[in-house]
Amino acid sequence: MSTDIDSIFRSTCEPHATDAQRAIDKEIAGYDAAIRVLKTQRNTHSSISRLPPEILAAIFQLVRSGQAQTAPVPSWINVTSVCRQWRAIALASPQMWTTIDISHPGSALELLKRSKSAPLQISCGTHPYDAGLHALVAGAVMPEIGRMQTLQIWSMVDTDVLQFLPLNGVPGATILEDLQLSANTTVSDPPPNVLLSGMPSISRLSLVNIPISLEISPLPHLTYLRLSSTTRGIRTSLLLSYLQHSPNLKEIDVSGVVKDTFLPSRVQLPNLLHVSISSDILGVSAIFANLDYPSSVSVKFALTEEPAGEPDWSHLAALCARFAEPDAPTISKVLAHGWRFSDAFEFTVESVGSEKLSLVVALESGRYPEACLALCSGLPLEIVPVLEVGCLQDMRAPQWADLFRRFERVRRLHLSDVSTLPFSVLTELSLEKPHFSALQTLELSACDLDREGSSAILGVLKDLLEQRKRHELPIKDVALQRCFITKEALEELKAITQVDWDGRARRERRRRSKLHLYRHAFLKPIDQLRTFMLVARR
């Protein structure tokens, strides 16, 4: 006769136990049950169990808010397994279950059920993409858009994202405050337009490679706007339309703007703090002429491709001219710097340590000087205390003179990666009406003061320092950063003025010398051997 294994494991007694053993096992089971009851009763007298359920629920929510919500099963969910009381309190608190990542369908639907009618924070990253599964989850979650406060969806292509946002066919998202939709690329053709309507409470809007419609409802509470398109571009007329419907914007970050012919009336943005626009067309910078904002706003413009033909710097120069307005912030520093290996020119205006204007344009190095002078033409340069100029190797002597004549109040001049020309020009200008009369500090970086011949900087630098000293306009401090200089030359400069050298270039030169020896002693013979073997094969 076979033994029923399942019945044996279900029993609290051992197989083939005697009647006495069964009686004892039954008594033990009774004691175990009594101990569990006593433990439960004991827990009810602990300090934490005497807290009202509302306090415990608040503690649970604090634990939940302090942990990441991205895991398929967040660790804070363990509070539901501690005891029956905690589980009952957690399940009776809809706010515990309102942050739902629908990338994990297994838990998303259960969390949605437990959230009851509480406001939701929904996120979803649809990679890898499962069409059937995500369609099922979207069908269950998106009808709840009326109670969503946050909706963040990102995917590889826009069609996957748009599946989760049938805003044209569902009730309005009346309490939605944060909407972020992002795709790596746009593949839909023709692209369906997302109608941004029925969202009166939205305060943050971010759309990356998501096609949008020109038809837009007023967004009176919108304070942050990010639009980006790497494939189709964002028309200036569409952007201005968005800005007109969002008068309370504080931050604007738009990339991939393309110019069109329609430019409506000026847009008033009285609360704006920061605006950043990037495009591959220099003419897009004309859009700033259509914006009215406080003079304290931080403005950034980036040109991602070199301009075709003769560049028109007038619109960017007009941005610089805003610093001449009566209520404009006081300029503390101007930086004009080219990048030798990336073909980009950077122009920055700072006020009390913060950037107020940042212009970065893709440009061949030969055009750096004209860009620098064009942008400086709009600034009130006579009040600029700090000037930093770098990598303007193609700047001619008349251009240097034109630039320096504008800066009458400069106290600190920083020159980076320059030739002897700026020093020679400064020396010549000192013979005229005293220029740079307030200049106290001269900083040099990435300059070779160890070079000999006509390109030697050391000689013209000494002439400049000595001449200003004779005219009782001494430069009191010279700072050398990453500059090559010999010990003897350093002592010569110290005999004229105070010199601070970081000494880094000497160590760099030693490393370069070692690398040079290594290449000649080791790599060059290998290259010769390879060449010999190739010739032998032929």
Protein backbone atom coordinates (compact mmCIF):
# COMPACT_ATOMS: atom_id res chain seq x y z
CA MET A 1 0.00 0.00 0.00
CA SER A 2 1.57 3.27 -1.12
CA THR A 3 1.93 6.21 1.23
CA ASP A 4 0.30 9.57 0.39
CA ILE A 5 3.40 11.79 0.45
CA ASP A 6 1.42 15.04 0.25
CA SER A 7 -0.69 14.13 3.26
CA ILE A 8 2.45 13.32 5.22
CA PHE A 9 4.00 16.74 4.49
CA ARG A 10 0.72 18.46 5.29
CA SER A 11 0.62 16.75 8.68
CA THR A 12 2.35 18.23 11.73
CA CYS A 13 3.28 14.73 12.87
CA GLU A 14 6.07 12.49 11.76
CA PRO A 15 5.15 9.41 9.65
CA HIS A 16 4.36 6.28 11.64
CA ALA A 17 4.19 8.29 14.89
CA THR A 18 2.55 6.63 17.86
CA ASP A 19 -0.62 7.95 19.40
CA ALA A 20 1.39 9.45 22.26
CA GLN A 21 3.66 11.29 19.81
CA ARG A 22 0.65 12.59 17.90
CA ALA A 23 -0.82 13.91 21.09
CA ILE A 24 2.43 15.65 21.99
CA ASP A 25 2.76 17.12 18.46
CA LYS A 26 -0.77 18.43 18.72
CA GLU A 27 0.05 20.03 22.05
CA ILE A 28 3.24 21.59 20.56
CA ALA A 29 1.20 23.02 17.67
CA GLY A 30 -1.17 24.53 20.18
CA TYR A 31 1.71 26.12 22.06
CA ASP A 32 3.12 27.48 18.77
CA ALA A 33 -0.20 29.08 17.97
CA ALA A 34 -0.41 30.53 21.46
CA ILE A 35 3.15 31.91 21.17
CA ARG A 36 2.26 33.60 17.87
CA VAL A 37 -0.76 35.19 19.52
CA LEU A 38 1.36 36.30 22.47
CA LYS A 39 4.02 37.77 20.13
CA THR A 40 1.32 39.67 18.28
CA GLN A 41 -0.08 40.95 21.57
CA ARG A 42 3.42 41.88 22.69
CA ASN A 43 4.04 43.84 19.48
CA THR A 44 0.88 45.83 20.09
CA HIS A 45 2.51 47.22 23.26
CA SER A 46 5.75 48.30 21.49
CA SER A 47 6.43 51.99 20.97
CA ILE A 48 5.98 51.93 17.19
CA SER A 49 2.73 49.94 17.38
CA ARG A 50 1.20 52.56 19.65
CA LEU A 51 1.59 55.14 16.88
CA PRO A 52 -1.64 56.03 15.07
CA PRO A 53 -2.02 54.40 11.63
CA GLU A 54 -1.78 57.84 10.01
CA ILE A 55 1.71 58.37 11.50
CA LEU A 56 2.87 54.93 10.37
CA ALA A 57 1.54 55.63 6.89
CA ALA A 58 3.48 58.91 6.82
CA ILE A 59 6.67 57.08 7.90
CA PHE A 60 6.18 54.50 5.15
CA GLN A 61 5.82 57.27 2.57
CA LEU A 62 9.01 58.93 3.81
CA VAL A 63 10.89 55.66 3.39
CA ARG A 64 9.41 55.27 -0.07
CA SER A 65 10.30 58.82 -1.17
CA GLY A 66 13.90 58.37 -0.01
CA GLN A 67 14.57 55.35 -2.23
CA ALA A 68 14.88 54.91 -5.98
CA GLN A 69 11.68 53.90 -7.74
CA THR A 70 13.30 52.39 -10.83
CA ALA A 71 13.73 48.78 -9.67
CA PRO A 72 11.09 46.23 -10.78
CA VAL A 73 10.37 45.51 -7.08
CA PRO A 74 11.47 48.49 -4.93
CA SER A 75 12.94 47.57 -1.55
CA TRP A 76 10.51 49.78 0.38
CA ILE A 77 7.72 47.38 -0.56
CA ASN A 78 9.06 45.05 2.16
CA VAL A 79 7.11 47.04 4.76
CA THR A 80 4.02 45.11 3.64
CA SER A 81 5.60 41.84 4.80
CA VAL A 82 6.62 42.79 8.34
CA CYS A 83 3.28 42.16 10.02
CA ARG A 84 -0.45 42.16 9.34
CA GLN A 85 -0.86 45.63 10.82
CA TRP A 86 1.79 47.19 8.61
CA ARG A 87 0.45 45.44 5.54
CA ALA A 88 -3.07 46.67 6.23
CA ILE A 89 -1.83 50.23 6.75
CA ALA A 90 0.27 50.17 3.56
CA LEU A 91 -2.53 48.75 1.42
CA ALA A 92 -4.92 51.35 2.83
CA SER A 93 -2.56 54.18 1.80
CA PRO A 94 -3.03 54.88 -1.93
CA GLN A 95 -0.17 57.41 -1.91
CA MET A 96 2.24 54.51 -1.34
CA TRP A 97 1.51 53.13 -4.81
CA THR A 98 1.33 56.23 -6.99
CA THR A 99 4.84 56.07 -8.53
CA ILE A 100 4.48 53.51 -11.29
CA ASP A 101 7.09 52.43 -13.83
CA ILE A 102 5.05 50.79 -16.56
CA SER A 103 8.24 49.40 -18.08
CA HIS A 104 7.59 46.55 -15.60
CA PRO A 105 4.08 45.40 -16.56
CA GLY A 106 4.02 42.67 -13.92
CA SER A 107 3.82 45.16 -11.06
CA ALA A 108 2.40 48.19 -12.89
CA LEU A 109 -1.20 46.97 -13.07
CA GLU A 110 -1.23 45.91 -9.40
CA LEU A 111 0.23 49.27 -8.32
CA LEU A 112 -2.37 51.05 -10.43
CA LYS A 113 -5.12 49.14 -8.63
CA ARG A 114 -3.69 49.93 -5.19
CA SER A 115 -3.32 53.65 -5.98
CA LYS A 116 -7.13 53.93 -6.15
CA SER A 117 -7.89 57.57 -7.03
CA ALA A 118 -4.65 59.20 -5.83
CA PRO A 119 -2.59 61.40 -8.23
CA LEU A 120 -0.08 59.35 -10.25
CA GLN A 121 3.58 59.68 -11.27
CA ILE A 122 3.98 57.52 -14.38
CA SER A 123 7.26 56.67 -16.10
CA CYS A 124 8.19 54.24 -18.85
CA GLY A 125 11.33 53.35 -20.74
CA THR A 126 10.29 51.18 -23.68
CA HIS A 127 13.57 49.47 -24.51
CA PRO A 128 13.56 46.63 -25.32
CA TYR A 129 10.16 47.22 -26.86
CA ASP A 130 7.40 44.60 -26.64
CA ALA A 131 4.52 45.84 -28.81
CA GLY A 132 1.83 43.56 -27.39
CA LEU A 133 2.81 43.91 -23.75
CA HIS A 134 3.27 47.67 -23.83
CA ALA A 135 0.01 48.12 -25.72
CA LEU A 136 -1.76 46.19 -22.96
CA VAL A 137 -0.21 48.33 -20.23
CA ALA A 138 -0.82 51.56 -22.14
CA GLY A 139 -4.46 50.58 -22.62
CA ALA A 140 -4.85 50.12 -18.86
CA VAL A 141 -2.86 53.13 -17.68
CA MET A 142 -3.55 55.93 -20.15
CA PRO A 143 -7.31 56.16 -19.41
CA GLU A 144 -6.12 57.32 -15.96
CA ILE A 145 -4.44 60.39 -17.45
CA GLY A 146 -6.97 62.54 -15.64
CA ARG A 147 -5.20 61.82 -12.34
CA MET A 148 -1.60 61.91 -13.58
CA GLN A 149 0.70 64.57 -12.15
CA THR A 150 3.86 63.33 -13.88
CA LEU A 151 4.24 61.46 -17.16
CA GLN A 152 7.73 60.54 -18.38
CA ILE A 153 8.13 58.27 -21.42
CA TRP A 154 11.29 57.60 -23.42
CA SER A 155 12.11 55.16 -26.20
CA MET A 156 14.32 54.58 -29.23
CA VAL A 157 11.78 55.89 -31.78
CA ASP A 158 8.92 58.37 -31.56
CA THR A 159 6.23 55.90 -32.66
CA ASP A 160 6.76 53.87 -29.47
CA VAL A 161 6.36 56.99 -27.36
CA LEU A 162 3.26 58.25 -29.15
CA GLN A 163 1.48 54.97 -28.47
CA PHE A 164 1.39 55.95 -24.81
CA LEU A 165 0.02 59.40 -25.46
CA PRO A 166 -3.33 59.35 -27.26
CA LEU A 167 -4.09 62.81 -25.94
CA ASN A 168 -6.53 63.45 -28.74
CA GLY A 169 -8.87 60.68 -27.64
CA VAL A 170 -8.85 60.75 -23.83
CA PRO A 171 -10.17 63.18 -21.22
CA GLY A 172 -8.01 66.18 -20.45
CA ALA A 173 -4.99 65.84 -18.19
CA THR A 174 -6.27 68.49 -15.83
CA ILE A 175 -3.73 67.96 -13.02
CA LEU A 176 -0.72 66.99 -15.18
CA GLU A 177 2.24 69.14 -14.09
CA ASP A 178 5.28 67.42 -15.62
CA LEU A 179 5.28 65.93 -19.14
CA GLN A 180 8.50 64.48 -20.56
CA LEU A 181 8.48 62.61 -23.88
CA SER A 182 11.78 61.56 -25.42
CA ALA A 183 12.85 59.48 -28.43
CA ASN A 184 16.29 58.94 -29.91
CA THR A 185 14.98 59.57 -33.40
CA THR A 186 11.85 60.38 -35.40
CA VAL A 187 10.79 57.68 -37.87
CA SER A 188 7.09 58.35 -38.41
CA ASP A 189 6.39 59.80 -41.85
CA PRO A 190 4.36 61.90 -42.01
CA PRO A 191 4.81 62.53 -38.30
CA PRO A 192 1.59 62.64 -36.27
CA ASN A 193 1.28 65.89 -34.37
CA VAL A 194 0.80 65.69 -30.63
CA LEU A 195 -1.98 68.06 -29.68
CA LEU A 196 -0.98 69.66 -26.41
CA SER A 197 -4.43 70.59 -25.19
CA GLY A 198 -6.39 70.05 -22.01
CA MET A 199 -3.34 70.47 -19.76
CA PRO A 200 -4.02 73.70 -17.85
CA SER A 201 -1.81 72.79 -14.86
CA ILE A 202 1.37 71.78 -16.67
CA SER A 203 4.51 73.52 -15.36
CA ARG A 204 7.31 71.44 -16.96
CA LEU A 205 7.30 70.31 -20.59
CA SER A 206 10.12 68.40 -22.30
CA LEU A 207 9.76 67.03 -25.85
CA VAL A 208 12.79 65.41 -27.52
CA ASN A 209 12.32 64.27 -31.13
CA ILE A 210 8.55 64.33 -30.67
CA PRO A 211 6.54 65.99 -33.48
CA ILE A 212 4.27 68.69 -32.13
CA SER A 213 1.36 70.65 -33.50
CA LEU A 214 1.15 74.39 -34.05
CA GLU A 215 -2.28 74.28 -32.40
CA ILE A 216 -1.67 74.77 -28.72
CA SER A 217 -3.82 75.77 -25.79
CA PRO A 218 -2.64 78.42 -23.33
CA LEU A 219 -0.18 77.09 -20.76
CA PRO A 220 -0.38 79.74 -18.04
CA HIS A 221 1.55 77.73 -15.42
CA LEU A 222 4.39 76.52 -17.66
CA THR A 223 7.75 77.54 -16.17
CA TYR A 224 10.15 75.11 -17.90
CA LEU A 225 10.19 74.32 -21.62
CA ARG A 226 12.58 72.00 -23.41
CA LEU A 227 12.22 71.25 -27.11
CA SER A 228 14.76 69.31 -29.15
CA SER A 229 14.77 67.85 -32.63
CA THR A 230 17.79 66.20 -34.22
CA THR A 231 15.99 65.08 -37.38
CA ARG A 232 13.27 67.48 -38.55
CA GLY A 233 14.03 70.71 -36.73
CA ILE A 234 11.81 73.12 -34.83
CA ARG A 235 10.54 76.09 -36.82
CA THR A 236 11.01 79.53 -35.30
CA SER A 237 7.32 80.31 -35.87
CA LEU A 238 6.31 77.22 -33.88
CA LEU A 239 8.72 78.09 -31.08
CA LEU A 240 7.44 81.66 -30.85
CA SER A 241 3.88 80.37 -30.79
CA TYR A 242 4.73 78.19 -27.80
CA LEU A 243 6.36 81.11 -26.04
CA GLN A 244 3.36 83.34 -26.66
CA HIS A 245 1.11 80.79 -24.96
CA SER A 246 3.47 80.50 -21.96
CA PRO A 247 3.94 83.97 -20.44
CA ASN A 248 5.27 82.67 -17.10
CA LEU A 249 8.23 80.75 -18.46
CA LYS A 250 11.42 80.84 -16.37
CA GLU A 251 13.64 78.41 -18.31
CA ILE A 252 13.80 77.75 -22.06
CA ASP A 253 16.08 75.14 -23.61
CA VAL A 254 15.56 74.58 -27.34
CA SER A 255 17.87 72.82 -29.81
CA GLY A 256 17.55 72.07 -33.50
CA VAL A 257 15.80 75.32 -34.44
CA VAL A 258 15.32 76.04 -38.14
CA LYS A 259 14.38 79.41 -39.58
CA ASP A 260 11.17 80.10 -41.48
CA THR A 261 9.64 83.27 -42.84
CA PHE A 262 6.82 83.79 -40.38
CA LEU A 263 7.82 85.92 -37.40
CA PRO A 264 4.90 87.14 -35.27
CA SER A 265 4.87 90.09 -32.91
CA ARG A 266 7.18 90.35 -29.92
CA VAL A 267 6.77 87.86 -27.09
CA GLN A 268 6.70 89.13 -23.51
CA LEU A 269 8.54 86.91 -21.00
CA PRO A 270 8.72 88.96 -17.79
CA ASN A 271 9.64 86.02 -15.50
CA LEU A 272 12.37 84.50 -17.66
CA LEU A 273 15.64 83.52 -15.94
CA HIS A 274 17.45 81.40 -18.54
CA VAL A 275 17.14 80.86 -22.29
CA SER A 276 19.28 78.53 -24.41
CA ILE A 277 18.84 78.10 -28.18
CA SER A 278 20.98 76.06 -30.56
CA SER A 279 20.80 75.72 -34.32
CA ASP A 280 22.92 74.96 -37.34
CA ILE A 281 21.80 78.24 -38.96
CA LEU A 282 23.31 81.55 -37.83
CA GLY A 283 20.20 83.44 -38.96
CA VAL A 284 18.15 81.74 -36.23
CA SER A 285 19.80 84.15 -33.78
CA ALA A 286 17.37 86.76 -35.13
CA ILE A 287 14.70 85.18 -32.92
CA PHE A 288 16.10 87.02 -29.88
CA ALA A 289 14.89 90.27 -31.44
CA ASN A 290 11.33 88.97 -30.97
CA LEU A 291 11.76 88.30 -27.26
CA ASP A 292 11.25 90.83 -24.48
CA TYR A 293 12.80 89.62 -21.23
CA PRO A 294 14.57 91.14 -18.20
CA SER A 295 18.15 92.26 -18.72
CA SER A 296 19.31 89.90 -15.95
CA VAL A 297 18.41 86.79 -17.98
CA SER A 298 21.19 84.27 -18.73
CA VAL A 299 21.30 83.85 -22.52
CA LYS A 300 23.00 81.06 -24.47
CA PHE A 301 23.21 80.53 -28.21
CA ALA A 302 25.09 77.74 -29.96
CA LEU A 303 25.77 77.45 -33.69
CA THR A 304 26.48 73.80 -34.47
CA GLU A 305 27.66 74.18 -38.09
CA GLU A 306 29.95 76.71 -39.75
CA PRO A 307 28.01 79.47 -41.54
CA ALA A 308 27.93 79.33 -45.31
CA GLY A 309 29.17 82.47 -47.02
CA GLU A 310 29.86 85.71 -45.19
CA PRO A 311 28.58 85.49 -41.59
CA ASP A 312 26.09 88.08 -40.38
CA TRP A 313 27.00 88.80 -36.76
CA SER A 314 24.49 91.63 -36.32
CA HIS A 315 21.91 89.63 -34.34
CA LEU A 316 24.50 88.29 -31.90
CA ALA A 317 26.07 91.75 -31.62
CA ALA A 318 22.60 93.05 -30.71
CA LEU A 319 22.56 90.58 -27.82
CA CYS A 320 25.85 92.05 -26.62
CA ALA A 321 24.45 95.56 -26.97
CA ARG A 322 21.82 94.79 -24.32
CA PHE A 323 24.56 95.18 -21.72
CA ALA A 324 24.63 98.89 -22.56
CA GLU A 325 21.02 99.34 -21.39
CA PRO A 326 20.54 101.26 -18.12
CA ASP A 327 19.20 98.30 -16.11
CA ALA A 328 21.69 95.76 -17.51
CA PRO A 329 23.89 93.80 -15.07
CA THR A 330 27.42 95.06 -14.53
CA ILE A 331 30.00 93.18 -16.59
CA SER A 332 32.74 91.54 -14.54
CA LYS A 333 34.55 89.59 -17.28
CA VAL A 334 34.60 89.10 -21.04
CA LEU A 335 36.06 85.92 -22.53
CA ALA A 336 36.84 85.51 -26.24
CA HIS A 337 38.46 82.19 -26.98
CA GLY A 338 38.96 80.04 -30.04
CA TRP A 339 39.52 76.31 -30.02
CA ARG A 340 42.43 75.27 -32.16
CA PHE A 341 41.43 71.66 -32.81
CA SER A 342 37.63 71.85 -32.85
CA ASP A 343 36.92 74.91 -35.07
CA ALA A 344 34.71 76.65 -32.53
CA PHE A 345 34.72 80.17 -31.12
CA GLU A 346 33.42 80.97 -27.65
CA PHE A 347 32.36 84.40 -26.43
CA THR A 348 31.21 84.78 -22.83
CA VAL A 349 30.12 87.73 -20.73
CA GLU A 350 30.01 87.29 -16.97
CA SER A 351 28.49 89.36 -14.20
CA VAL A 352 29.64 88.75 -10.61
CA GLY A 353 30.76 85.20 -11.32
CA SER A 354 27.74 84.01 -13.31
CA GLU A 355 27.43 83.75 -17.08
CA LYS A 356 24.94 86.22 -18.52
CA LEU A 357 25.77 85.63 -22.18
CA SER A 358 27.37 82.57 -23.75
CA LEU A 359 27.87 82.31 -27.51
CA VAL A 360 29.51 79.22 -29.00
CA VAL A 361 29.74 79.13 -32.79
CA ALA A 362 31.23 76.56 -35.12
CA LEU A 363 33.77 78.56 -37.10
CA GLU A 364 37.03 78.08 -38.91
CA SER A 365 39.98 79.57 -37.06
CA GLY A 366 40.66 82.20 -39.74
CA ARG A 367 37.35 83.87 -38.85
CA TYR A 368 37.91 84.03 -35.10
CA PRO A 369 39.22 87.65 -35.20
CA GLU A 370 36.26 89.04 -37.14
CA ALA A 371 33.81 87.25 -34.83
CA CYS A 372 35.62 88.62 -31.78
CA LEU A 373 35.62 92.22 -33.00
CA ALA A 374 32.02 92.04 -34.24
CA LEU A 375 30.73 90.82 -30.89
CA CYS A 376 32.84 93.24 -28.89
CA SER A 377 31.46 96.14 -30.93
CA GLY A 378 28.16 95.98 -29.06
CA LEU A 379 29.57 95.79 -25.54
CA PRO A 380 30.26 98.77 -23.26
CA LEU A 381 33.91 97.73 -23.17
CA GLU A 382 35.15 100.77 -21.33
CA ILE A 383 33.79 99.34 -18.06
CA VAL A 384 35.03 95.75 -18.40
CA PRO A 385 37.51 94.94 -15.58
CA VAL A 386 38.67 91.49 -16.77
CA LEU A 387 39.43 90.40 -20.34
CA GLU A 388 40.42 86.88 -21.40
CA VAL A 389 41.53 86.29 -24.98
CA GLY A 390 42.91 83.06 -26.38
CA CYS A 391 43.88 81.17 -29.50
CA LEU A 392 43.53 84.09 -31.89
CA GLN A 393 46.60 83.22 -33.93
CA ASP A 394 45.19 84.85 -37.08
CA MET A 395 44.59 88.20 -35.40
CA ARG A 396 46.56 90.95 -37.15
CA ALA A 397 48.24 93.90 -35.45
CA PRO A 398 45.54 96.47 -36.45
CA GLN A 399 42.86 94.13 -35.08
CA TRP A 400 44.72 93.73 -31.78
CA ALA A 401 45.08 97.51 -31.57
CA ASP A 402 41.37 97.99 -32.30
CA LEU A 403 40.48 95.50 -29.59
CA PHE A 404 42.81 96.93 -26.95
CA ARG A 405 41.76 100.53 -27.58
CA ARG A 406 38.23 99.58 -26.55
CA PHE A 407 39.25 98.23 -23.14
CA GLU A 408 40.24 101.30 -21.13
CA ARG A 409 39.36 100.01 -17.65
CA VAL A 410 40.75 96.49 -17.75
CA ARG A 411 42.49 95.54 -14.49
CA ARG A 412 43.29 91.93 -15.36
CA LEU A 413 44.27 90.73 -18.84
CA HIS A 414 44.51 87.01 -19.61
CA LEU A 415 46.18 85.92 -22.87
CA SER A 416 46.18 82.25 -23.84
CA ASP A 417 48.02 80.55 -26.69
CA VAL A 418 48.98 83.79 -28.45
CA SER A 419 51.94 85.02 -30.51
CA THR A 420 54.16 88.04 -29.87
CA LEU A 421 51.74 90.42 -31.61
CA PRO A 422 49.51 91.37 -28.67
CA PHE A 423 52.55 92.23 -26.53
CA SER A 424 54.08 94.34 -29.30
CA VAL A 425 50.78 96.16 -29.83
CA LEU A 426 50.41 96.83 -26.11
CA THR A 427 53.94 98.23 -26.03
CA GLU A 428 53.22 100.58 -28.96
CA LEU A 429 49.94 101.72 -27.44
CA SER A 430 51.76 102.65 -24.24
CA LEU A 431 53.65 105.31 -26.22
CA GLU A 432 50.38 106.99 -27.19
CA LYS A 433 47.73 108.10 -24.76
CA PRO A 434 48.16 105.70 -21.86
CA HIS A 435 45.98 102.69 -22.51
CA PHE A 436 45.11 100.07 -19.97
CA SER A 437 45.98 102.55 -17.23
CA ALA A 438 44.19 100.37 -14.66
CA LEU A 439 45.96 97.16 -15.71
CA GLN A 440 47.41 95.47 -12.63
CA THR A 441 47.64 91.78 -13.53
CA LEU A 442 48.78 90.02 -16.68
CA GLU A 443 48.05 86.30 -16.96
CA LEU A 444 49.59 84.08 -19.62
CA SER A 445 48.64 80.47 -20.29
CA ALA A 446 49.82 77.92 -22.85
CA CYS A 447 52.55 80.29 -24.09
CA ASP A 448 56.11 79.27 -24.97
CA LEU A 449 58.49 81.77 -23.33
CA ASP A 450 61.44 79.52 -24.09
CA ARG A 451 61.31 80.03 -27.85
CA GLU A 452 64.08 81.91 -29.63
CA GLY A 453 64.10 84.07 -32.74
CA SER A 454 61.48 86.42 -34.14
CA SER A 455 58.67 84.49 -32.49
CA ALA A 456 60.14 84.85 -28.99
CA ILE A 457 57.54 86.16 -26.55
CA LEU A 458 59.96 86.73 -23.68
CA GLY A 459 61.68 89.74 -25.26
CA VAL A 460 58.53 91.67 -26.13
CA LEU A 461 57.02 90.79 -22.75
CA LYS A 462 60.05 92.27 -20.97
CA ASP A 463 59.83 95.40 -23.14
CA LEU A 464 56.17 95.81 -22.21
CA LEU A 465 56.79 95.41 -18.49
CA GLU A 466 59.77 97.77 -18.46
CA GLN A 467 58.04 100.43 -20.54
CA ARG A 468 54.95 100.49 -18.34
CA LYS A 469 57.20 100.66 -15.31
CA ARG A 470 58.97 103.71 -16.78
CA HIS A 471 55.59 105.38 -17.41
CA GLU A 472 54.63 104.73 -13.78
CA LEU A 473 51.89 102.32 -14.89
CA PRO A 474 53.51 99.11 -13.71
CA ILE A 475 51.97 95.69 -14.12
CA LYS A 476 52.26 94.46 -10.54
CA ASP A 477 51.62 90.76 -11.07
CA VAL A 478 52.39 88.33 -13.89
CA ALA A 479 50.91 84.83 -13.66
CA LEU A 480 52.25 82.04 -15.86
CA GLN A 481 50.08 78.95 -16.29
CA ARG A 482 51.24 75.98 -18.35
CA CYS A 483 53.95 78.14 -19.92
CA PHE A 484 57.40 76.95 -21.03
CA ILE A 485 60.14 79.10 -19.50
CA THR A 486 63.73 78.61 -18.39
CA LYS A 487 64.92 79.34 -14.88
CA GLU A 488 67.10 82.20 -16.14
CA ALA A 489 64.20 83.81 -18.03
CA LEU A 490 61.99 83.48 -14.98
CA GLU A 491 64.56 85.33 -12.89
CA GLU A 492 64.74 88.10 -15.50
CA LEU A 493 60.98 88.63 -15.24
CA LYS A 494 61.09 88.56 -11.45
CA ALA A 495 63.63 91.37 -11.56
CA ILE A 496 60.96 93.57 -13.16
CA THR A 497 57.76 92.54 -11.35
CA GLN A 498 56.11 89.91 -9.20
CA VAL A 499 55.85 86.59 -11.11
CA ASP A 500 53.81 83.54 -10.16
CA TRP A 501 54.56 80.41 -12.22
CA ASP A 502 52.78 77.09 -11.67
CA GLY A 503 55.80 75.12 -12.97
CA ARG A 504 53.57 72.64 -14.78
CA ALA A 505 55.02 73.16 -18.24
CA ARG A 506 58.49 72.03 -17.13
CA ARG A 507 57.08 68.69 -15.99
CA GLU A 508 55.02 68.40 -19.18
CA ARG A 509 58.09 69.12 -21.28
CA ARG A 510 60.03 66.43 -19.45
CA ARG A 511 57.26 63.93 -20.12
CA ARG A 512 57.17 64.95 -23.77
CA SER A 513 60.95 64.60 -24.00
CA LYS A 514 60.78 61.10 -22.53
CA LEU A 515 58.01 60.20 -24.95
CA HIS A 516 60.07 61.60 -27.82
CA LEU A 517 63.08 59.48 -26.80
CA TYR A 518 60.85 56.43 -26.42
CA ARG A 519 59.47 56.86 -29.91
CA HIS A 520 62.91 57.22 -31.46
CA ALA A 521 64.56 54.47 -29.43
CA PHE A 522 61.79 51.90 -29.60
CA LEU A 523 58.96 52.66 -32.00
CA LYS A 524 61.08 53.94 -34.89
CA PRO A 525 63.14 50.69 -35.21
CA ILE A 526 59.87 48.73 -35.21
CA ASP A 527 58.53 50.89 -38.02
CA GLN A 528 61.79 50.37 -39.95
CA LEU A 529 61.52 46.60 -39.43
CA ARG A 530 57.94 46.60 -40.72
CA THR A 531 59.02 48.55 -43.80
CA PHE A 532 61.89 46.10 -44.42
CA MET A 533 59.52 43.11 -44.16
CA LEU A 534 57.06 44.67 -46.60
CA VAL A 535 59.86 45.32 -49.11
CA ALA A 536 61.18 41.75 -48.66
CA ARG A 537 57.73 40.30 -49.40
CA ARG A 538 57.52 42.20 -52.65
